[in-house]
Amino acid sequence: GLFGWETRGDPGVYLAVQNGEGISGGIIPTPTGVAPYAAFCVEVPDVDAAVVRAVDLGAELVIPAEDNPNGVRSAYLKDPDGSLFAVYRFQG
């Protein structure tokens, strides 16, 4: 694939992008009525703790922490300037 990436999963739900060992990224379909977007994502040791810390520092929770297909737990937030970002943990 592009950039030497390999993907696994269901393109209609979640595609894990791999480039070497572990997970390098993910691709999800854009919900109906939402403009396409890209999000900066950071792997963290504890998604729930990272969400609490981010909100304490002024972030807005957009999508609460949830377990996704392919063993990924993630949450989406907006920083105080409105930029979308995610925290995730690959649980595989």
C-alpha atoms as a PDB file:
ATOM      1  CA  GLY A   1       0.000   0.000   0.000  1.00  0.00           C
ATOM      2  CA  LEU A   2       0.862   3.650   0.086  1.00  0.00           C
ATOM      3  CA  PHE A   3       4.108   4.377   2.011  1.00  0.00           C
ATOM      4  CA  GLY A   4       4.643   0.623   2.424  1.00  0.00           C
ATOM      5  CA  TRP A   5       1.729   0.417   4.859  1.00  0.00           C
ATOM      6  CA  GLU A   6      -0.262  -2.725   5.380  1.00  0.00           C
ATOM      7  CA  THR A   7      -3.776  -2.619   6.778  1.00  0.00           C
ATOM      8  CA  ARG A   8      -5.948  -5.074   8.628  1.00  0.00           C
ATOM      9  CA  GLY A   9      -9.572  -4.879   9.623  1.00  0.00           C
ATOM     10  CA  ASP A  10     -12.873  -3.866   8.089  1.00  0.00           C
ATOM     11  CA  PRO A  11     -12.710  -0.702   5.949  1.00  0.00           C
ATOM     12  CA  GLY A  12     -16.310   0.091   6.921  1.00  0.00           C
ATOM     13  CA  VAL A  13     -15.422   0.080  10.638  1.00  0.00           C
ATOM     14  CA  TYR A  14     -11.691   0.493  11.342  1.00  0.00           C
ATOM     15  CA  LEU A  15      -8.463  -0.276   9.506  1.00  0.00           C
ATOM     16  CA  ALA A  16      -5.321  -0.659  11.591  1.00  0.00           C
ATOM     17  CA  VAL A  17      -2.300   0.628   9.673  1.00  0.00           C
ATOM     18  CA  GLN A  18       0.918  -1.250  10.257  1.00  0.00           C
ATOM     19  CA  ASN A  19       4.435  -0.384   9.248  1.00  0.00           C
ATOM     20  CA  GLY A  20       6.711  -2.821  11.015  1.00  0.00           C
ATOM     21  CA  GLU A  21       5.841  -3.986  14.515  1.00  0.00           C
ATOM     22  CA  GLY A  22       2.804  -2.742  16.416  1.00  0.00           C
ATOM     23  CA  ILE A  23       0.175  -0.327  15.176  1.00  0.00           C
ATOM     24  CA  SER A  24       1.293   2.788  13.317  1.00  0.00           C
ATOM     25  CA  GLY A  25      -2.111   4.336  12.810  1.00  0.00           C
ATOM     26  CA  GLY A  26      -5.714   3.776  11.932  1.00  0.00           C
ATOM     27  CA  ILE A  27      -8.313   4.786   9.397  1.00  0.00           C
ATOM     28  CA  ILE A  28     -12.012   5.062  10.187  1.00  0.00           C
ATOM     29  CA  PRO A  29     -14.871   6.005   7.874  1.00  0.00           C
ATOM     30  CA  THR A  30     -16.218   9.539   8.187  1.00  0.00           C
ATOM     31  CA  PRO A  31     -19.736   9.571   9.666  1.00  0.00           C
ATOM     32  CA  THR A  32     -22.541  10.820   7.443  1.00  0.00           C
ATOM     33  CA  GLY A  33     -22.792  14.602   7.548  1.00  0.00           C
ATOM     34  CA  VAL A  34     -19.253  15.098   8.890  1.00  0.00           C
ATOM     35  CA  ALA A  35     -16.570  16.669   6.707  1.00  0.00           C
ATOM     36  CA  PRO A  36     -13.463  14.497   6.193  1.00  0.00           C
ATOM     37  CA  TYR A  37     -10.761  15.188   8.765  1.00  0.00           C
ATOM     38  CA  ALA A  38      -7.427  14.003  10.086  1.00  0.00           C
ATOM     39  CA  ALA A  39      -6.600  13.681  13.770  1.00  0.00           C
ATOM     40  CA  PHE A  40      -3.286  13.711  15.566  1.00  0.00           C
ATOM     41  CA  CYS A  41      -3.178  10.506  17.633  1.00  0.00           C
ATOM     42  CA  VAL A  42      -0.912   9.624  20.537  1.00  0.00           C
ATOM     43  CA  GLU A  43      -0.388   6.166  22.024  1.00  0.00           C
ATOM     44  CA  VAL A  44      -0.657   6.320  25.810  1.00  0.00           C
ATOM     45  CA  PRO A  45      -0.302   3.693  28.550  1.00  0.00           C
ATOM     46  CA  ASP A  46      -3.816   4.385  29.954  1.00  0.00           C
ATOM     47  CA  VAL A  47      -6.490   5.951  27.730  1.00  0.00           C
ATOM     48  CA  ASP A  48      -8.913   6.712  30.553  1.00  0.00           C
ATOM     49  CA  ALA A  49      -6.256   8.439  32.663  1.00  0.00           C
ATOM     50  CA  ALA A  50      -5.071  10.438  29.636  1.00  0.00           C
ATOM     51  CA  VAL A  51      -8.644  11.621  28.989  1.00  0.00           C
ATOM     52  CA  VAL A  52      -9.040  12.799  32.590  1.00  0.00           C
ATOM     53  CA  ARG A  53      -5.698  14.634  32.437  1.00  0.00           C
ATOM     54  CA  ALA A  54      -6.489  16.244  29.073  1.00  0.00           C
ATOM     55  CA  VAL A  55      -9.896  17.464  30.256  1.00  0.00           C
ATOM     56  CA  ASP A  56      -8.292  18.817  33.459  1.00  0.00           C
ATOM     57  CA  LEU A  57      -5.905  20.781  31.215  1.00  0.00           C
ATOM     58  CA  GLY A  58      -8.736  22.296  29.171  1.00  0.00           C
ATOM     59  CA  ALA A  59      -9.500  19.755  26.438  1.00  0.00           C
ATOM     60  CA  GLU A  60     -13.087  19.004  25.423  1.00  0.00           C
ATOM     61  CA  LEU A  61     -14.176  15.374  25.204  1.00  0.00           C
ATOM     62  CA  VAL A  62     -15.608  14.619  21.746  1.00  0.00           C
ATOM     63  CA  ILE A  63     -15.866  10.808  21.759  1.00  0.00           C
ATOM     64  CA  PRO A  64     -15.499   9.041  25.129  1.00  0.00           C
ATOM     65  CA  ALA A  65     -13.013   6.211  25.586  1.00  0.00           C
ATOM     66  CA  GLU A  66     -14.217   3.033  23.947  1.00  0.00           C
ATOM     67  CA  ASP A  67     -12.895  -0.327  22.830  1.00  0.00           C
ATOM     68  CA  ASN A  68     -12.749  -0.548  19.045  1.00  0.00           C
ATOM     69  CA  PRO A  69     -12.267  -3.474  16.660  1.00  0.00           C
ATOM     70  CA  ASN A  70      -8.766  -4.946  16.409  1.00  0.00           C
ATOM     71  CA  GLY A  71      -7.980  -4.360  20.093  1.00  0.00           C
ATOM     72  CA  VAL A  72      -7.661  -0.580  20.140  1.00  0.00           C
ATOM     73  CA  ARG A  73      -9.039   1.573  22.962  1.00  0.00           C
ATOM     74  CA  SER A  74      -9.332   5.230  22.002  1.00  0.00           C
ATOM     75  CA  ALA A  75     -10.930   8.576  22.797  1.00  0.00           C
ATOM     76  CA  TYR A  76     -11.171  11.790  20.777  1.00  0.00           C
ATOM     77  CA  LEU A  77     -10.810  15.277  22.210  1.00  0.00           C
ATOM     78  CA  LYS A  78     -10.376  18.890  21.103  1.00  0.00           C
ATOM     79  CA  ASP A  79      -7.614  21.021  22.523  1.00  0.00           C
ATOM     80  CA  PRO A  80      -8.414  24.533  23.797  1.00  0.00           C
ATOM     81  CA  ASP A  81      -7.808  25.901  20.260  1.00  0.00           C
ATOM     82  CA  GLY A  82     -10.332  23.430  18.790  1.00  0.00           C
ATOM     83  CA  SER A  83      -7.860  21.020  17.163  1.00  0.00           C
ATOM     84  CA  LEU A  84      -8.983  17.403  17.162  1.00  0.00           C
ATOM     85  CA  PHE A  85      -6.683  14.785  18.678  1.00  0.00           C
ATOM     86  CA  ALA A  86      -6.979  11.249  19.933  1.00  0.00           C
ATOM     87  CA  VAL A  87      -5.361   9.098  22.563  1.00  0.00           C
ATOM     88  CA  TYR A  88      -5.213   5.359  22.042  1.00  0.00           C
ATOM     89  CA  ARG A  89      -3.768   2.138  23.326  1.00  0.00           C
ATOM     90  CA  PHE A  90      -3.309  -0.999  21.268  1.00  0.00           C
ATOM     91  CA  GLN A  91      -4.400  -3.851  23.516  1.00  0.00           C
ATOM     92  CA  GLY A  92      -3.252  -6.684  21.250  1.00  0.00           C
END
